[in-house]
Amino acid sequence: MVELDAVRRALARHEPLLLRDAARSQAAVAMILREGGRAAGSAPEVLFIERARHDGDPWSGHMAFPGGRVDAADPHERAAAERETLEEVGLDLAGAHHIGRLDDLPGRGAAKEHGLVISGHVYVWEGDAPLALDAREVASAFWFPLADLHVPARHVPHTYPGAQMEFPGILVGQPGRHVVWGLTYRFLEVFFGIVGRPLPERWSFDRDEAMS
């Protein structure tokens, strides 16, 4: 089991790899952790969202962390992650503990763009506030046991519509619907590598081509 104290220590030591590319748009996500359940010593959980489905949206229906584009009004990437989290699930991360930053990852943007650089920011949420979803952006959201992301039976292939290849995925809910893959899977790879609990290396794929 990954303990939050161990996560804090590992992230405090980590020097994140930051990507700087003026040709790419910027986005940011929040990986939010909490102690699971209400009993002392319960296993940590992580918050996932299921993005709402919209025609023409390449990320429609994907499992993800809260987050989105960095706006001109955002002073930095972390502010964008916090703003989007409040808008999407109603959690004000100003009251949470920011415990570190993951390595930046490249991603795909709209066809007219040169792509995205996405930053990942890790928080510990200690409140008991219910989630308040923006139905325009989020179809569902739930807390999932962090340790269960290592369960071998949950590691499943995911085929993106129109792609003639399989991507690594982790089943976190309904089969065929709640599968973490692409960008979010890659952030989980980075996170678990930092804390010394790497995900099973059962897959070979081009990280820059993984889409989400």
Protein backbone atom coordinates (compact mmCIF):
# COMPACT_ATOMS: atom_id res chain seq x y z
CA MET A 1 0.00 0.00 0.00
CA VAL A 2 1.24 3.48 -0.86
CA GLU A 3 1.02 5.73 2.20
CA LEU A 4 0.47 9.46 1.85
CA ASP A 5 3.44 10.28 4.08
CA ALA A 6 5.67 8.30 1.70
CA VAL A 7 4.13 10.14 -1.26
CA ARG A 8 4.86 13.50 0.38
CA ARG A 9 8.49 12.57 1.01
CA ALA A 10 9.01 11.24 -2.52
CA LEU A 11 7.52 14.32 -4.18
CA ALA A 12 9.51 16.64 -1.91
CA ARG A 13 12.69 15.03 -3.29
CA HIS A 14 11.54 15.00 -6.91
CA GLU A 15 12.83 17.55 -9.42
CA PRO A 16 10.13 17.62 -12.11
CA LEU A 17 11.06 17.66 -15.76
CA LEU A 18 9.56 20.87 -17.18
CA LEU A 19 8.89 21.18 -20.90
CA ARG A 20 9.18 24.64 -22.40
CA ASP A 21 7.86 24.99 -25.94
CA ALA A 22 6.42 28.33 -27.01
CA ALA A 23 4.74 26.67 -29.99
CA ARG A 24 2.62 24.44 -27.74
CA SER A 25 -0.43 25.45 -25.72
CA GLN A 26 -0.35 24.88 -21.97
CA ALA A 27 -2.73 22.79 -19.87
CA ALA A 28 -2.68 21.54 -16.29
CA VAL A 29 -4.34 18.78 -14.25
CA ALA A 30 -4.79 18.11 -10.54
CA MET A 31 -4.10 14.63 -9.15
CA ILE A 32 -6.04 14.76 -5.88
CA LEU A 33 -5.41 12.22 -3.13
CA ARG A 34 -7.16 11.63 0.17
CA GLU A 35 -7.19 9.10 2.98
CA GLY A 36 -9.76 6.50 1.96
CA GLY A 37 -13.01 6.09 3.83
CA ARG A 38 -13.48 7.62 7.23
CA ALA A 39 -11.50 5.23 9.43
CA ALA A 40 -8.04 6.16 10.63
CA GLY A 41 -5.33 4.50 8.57
CA SER A 42 -7.60 3.78 5.60
CA ALA A 43 -5.88 3.28 2.25
CA PRO A 44 -5.39 6.43 0.13
CA GLU A 45 -7.70 7.18 -2.79
CA VAL A 46 -7.35 9.25 -5.96
CA LEU A 47 -10.06 11.28 -7.70
CA PHE A 48 -10.98 10.45 -11.29
CA ILE A 49 -13.49 12.20 -13.51
CA GLU A 50 -15.30 10.89 -16.58
CA ARG A 51 -15.48 13.66 -19.12
CA ALA A 52 -18.88 14.47 -20.60
CA ARG A 53 -19.55 13.27 -24.12
CA HIS A 54 -19.70 15.87 -26.89
CA ASP A 55 -19.69 15.33 -30.65
CA GLY A 56 -16.37 16.31 -32.17
CA ASP A 57 -14.51 16.35 -28.84
CA PRO A 58 -11.47 14.03 -29.05
CA TRP A 59 -11.44 13.67 -25.22
CA SER A 60 -15.17 12.95 -25.00
CA GLY A 61 -15.96 10.33 -22.37
CA HIS A 62 -12.35 9.83 -21.29
CA MET A 63 -11.30 9.14 -17.72
CA ALA A 64 -9.08 11.94 -16.46
CA PHE A 65 -7.92 14.12 -13.62
CA PRO A 66 -9.67 17.49 -13.24
CA GLY A 67 -7.96 20.14 -15.33
CA GLY A 68 -7.85 22.04 -18.58
CA ARG A 69 -6.23 24.79 -20.59
CA VAL A 70 -4.15 27.53 -19.01
CA ASP A 71 -5.92 30.85 -19.61
CA ALA A 72 -4.24 34.21 -20.04
CA ALA A 73 -5.67 35.24 -16.65
CA ASP A 74 -4.01 32.30 -14.86
CA PRO A 75 -0.75 33.41 -13.18
CA HIS A 76 0.75 29.94 -13.64
CA GLU A 77 -0.13 26.38 -14.60
CA ARG A 78 -1.03 25.34 -11.06
CA ALA A 79 -3.65 28.11 -10.89
CA ALA A 80 -5.29 26.67 -14.00
CA ALA A 81 -5.48 23.20 -12.43
CA GLU A 82 -7.10 24.67 -9.32
CA ARG A 83 -9.55 26.81 -11.28
CA GLU A 84 -10.63 23.91 -13.48
CA THR A 85 -11.03 21.61 -10.46
CA LEU A 86 -13.36 24.10 -8.78
CA GLU A 87 -15.36 24.50 -11.99
CA GLU A 88 -15.57 20.79 -12.82
CA VAL A 89 -16.07 19.07 -9.45
CA GLY A 90 -16.60 21.87 -6.93
CA LEU A 91 -13.47 21.27 -4.85
CA ASP A 92 -11.58 24.41 -3.82
CA LEU A 93 -7.95 23.34 -3.77
CA ALA A 94 -6.98 26.53 -1.97
CA GLY A 95 -7.93 24.51 1.12
CA ALA A 96 -5.88 21.46 0.09
CA HIS A 97 -2.19 20.69 0.48
CA HIS A 98 -0.15 20.97 -2.71
CA ILE A 99 2.57 18.37 -2.22
CA GLY A 100 4.41 18.39 -5.51
CA ARG A 101 4.56 18.51 -9.27
CA LEU A 102 4.92 15.63 -11.69
CA ASP A 103 7.00 15.71 -14.87
CA ASP A 104 5.42 17.68 -17.69
CA LEU A 105 4.05 15.57 -20.54
CA PRO A 106 3.45 16.33 -24.21
CA GLY A 107 -0.01 15.80 -25.58
CA ARG A 108 -2.13 16.42 -28.62
CA GLY A 109 -4.22 19.53 -29.06
CA ALA A 110 -6.58 20.54 -31.83
CA ALA A 111 -5.47 19.85 -35.40
CA LYS A 112 -4.50 23.50 -35.96
CA GLU A 113 -2.19 23.50 -32.94
CA HIS A 114 1.34 22.24 -32.46
CA GLY A 115 0.15 20.23 -29.46
CA LEU A 116 0.04 20.70 -25.73
CA VAL A 117 2.35 20.67 -22.75
CA ILE A 118 0.48 19.39 -19.71
CA SER A 119 1.66 19.86 -16.13
CA GLY A 120 0.47 17.59 -13.31
CA HIS A 121 0.06 18.88 -9.76
CA VAL A 122 -0.51 16.61 -6.76
CA TYR A 123 -2.73 17.58 -3.83
CA VAL A 124 -3.89 15.98 -0.60
CA TRP A 125 -7.54 16.73 0.17
CA GLU A 126 -8.47 16.50 3.82
CA GLY A 127 -12.00 17.83 3.69
CA ASP A 128 -15.26 15.92 3.47
CA ALA A 129 -17.00 18.15 0.96
CA PRO A 130 -19.26 16.39 -1.56
CA LEU A 131 -18.41 16.67 -5.24
CA ALA A 132 -20.48 19.17 -7.23
CA LEU A 133 -20.17 18.24 -10.89
CA ASP A 134 -20.57 20.58 -13.84
CA ALA A 135 -22.67 18.33 -16.07
CA ARG A 136 -21.49 20.20 -19.17
CA GLU A 137 -17.93 19.03 -18.49
CA VAL A 138 -18.13 15.95 -16.27
CA ALA A 139 -20.38 12.89 -16.61
CA SER A 140 -19.25 11.27 -13.36
CA ALA A 141 -16.50 11.46 -10.76
CA PHE A 142 -15.42 9.15 -7.98
CA TRP A 143 -12.63 8.30 -5.55
CA PHE A 144 -10.70 5.12 -6.32
CA PRO A 145 -8.27 3.18 -4.09
CA LEU A 146 -4.72 4.03 -5.09
CA ALA A 147 -3.45 0.52 -4.35
CA ASP A 148 -6.01 -1.05 -6.70
CA LEU A 149 -4.31 0.59 -9.66
CA HIS A 150 -1.65 -2.11 -9.32
CA VAL A 151 -4.10 -5.05 -9.38
CA PRO A 152 -3.07 -7.12 -12.45
CA ALA A 153 -6.65 -7.98 -13.42
CA ARG A 154 -7.41 -4.26 -13.82
CA HIS A 155 -4.70 -3.77 -16.45
CA VAL A 156 -6.52 -4.07 -19.76
CA PRO A 157 -5.85 -3.05 -23.37
CA HIS A 158 -7.73 -0.05 -24.70
CA THR A 159 -8.40 0.55 -28.39
CA TYR A 160 -9.03 4.15 -29.41
CA PRO A 161 -11.78 4.44 -32.07
CA GLY A 162 -10.13 4.71 -35.45
CA ALA A 163 -6.69 3.67 -34.21
CA GLN A 164 -5.28 0.34 -35.31
CA MET A 165 -3.39 -0.30 -32.10
CA GLU A 166 -3.96 -0.99 -28.43
CA PHE A 167 -2.97 1.28 -25.55
CA PRO A 168 -2.37 0.25 -21.94
CA GLY A 169 -5.31 0.93 -19.65
CA ILE A 170 -6.52 0.41 -16.10
CA LEU A 171 -10.13 -0.54 -15.42
CA VAL A 172 -11.46 1.59 -12.56
CA GLY A 173 -15.21 1.06 -12.98
CA GLN A 174 -17.57 -0.24 -15.64
CA PRO A 175 -15.81 -2.30 -18.36
CA GLY A 176 -15.59 -0.42 -21.64
CA ARG A 177 -16.45 2.86 -19.97
CA HIS A 178 -14.22 3.61 -16.98
CA VAL A 179 -10.77 2.80 -18.34
CA VAL A 180 -7.84 5.07 -17.52
CA TRP A 181 -5.48 5.32 -20.49
CA GLY A 182 -3.52 7.84 -22.55
CA LEU A 183 -2.40 11.00 -20.80
CA THR A 184 -3.87 10.09 -17.42
CA TYR A 185 -2.23 6.66 -17.54
CA ARG A 186 1.08 8.33 -18.37
CA PHE A 187 0.77 10.66 -15.38
CA LEU A 188 0.08 7.62 -13.20
CA GLU A 189 3.25 6.02 -14.59
CA VAL A 190 5.22 9.12 -13.63
CA PHE A 191 3.62 9.30 -10.18
CA PHE A 192 4.20 5.66 -9.27
CA GLY A 193 7.74 5.84 -10.61
CA ILE A 194 8.46 8.75 -8.28
CA VAL A 195 7.07 6.95 -5.23
CA GLY A 196 8.93 3.74 -6.06
CA ARG A 197 5.93 1.61 -7.04
CA PRO A 198 6.11 1.48 -10.84
CA LEU A 199 3.18 0.12 -12.78
CA PRO A 200 3.67 -3.27 -14.47
CA GLU A 201 5.72 -2.92 -17.65
CA ARG A 202 3.54 -5.11 -19.83
CA TRP A 203 3.19 -2.66 -22.69
CA SER A 204 5.27 -1.01 -25.36
CA PHE A 205 3.96 2.12 -27.03
CA ASP A 206 5.02 5.59 -28.12
CA ARG A 207 4.36 7.94 -25.21
CA ASP A 208 4.11 10.98 -27.46
CA GLU A 209 1.40 9.28 -29.49
CA ALA A 210 -0.74 8.21 -26.53
CA MET A 211 -3.85 10.33 -26.71
CA SER A 212 -6.11 11.62 -23.96
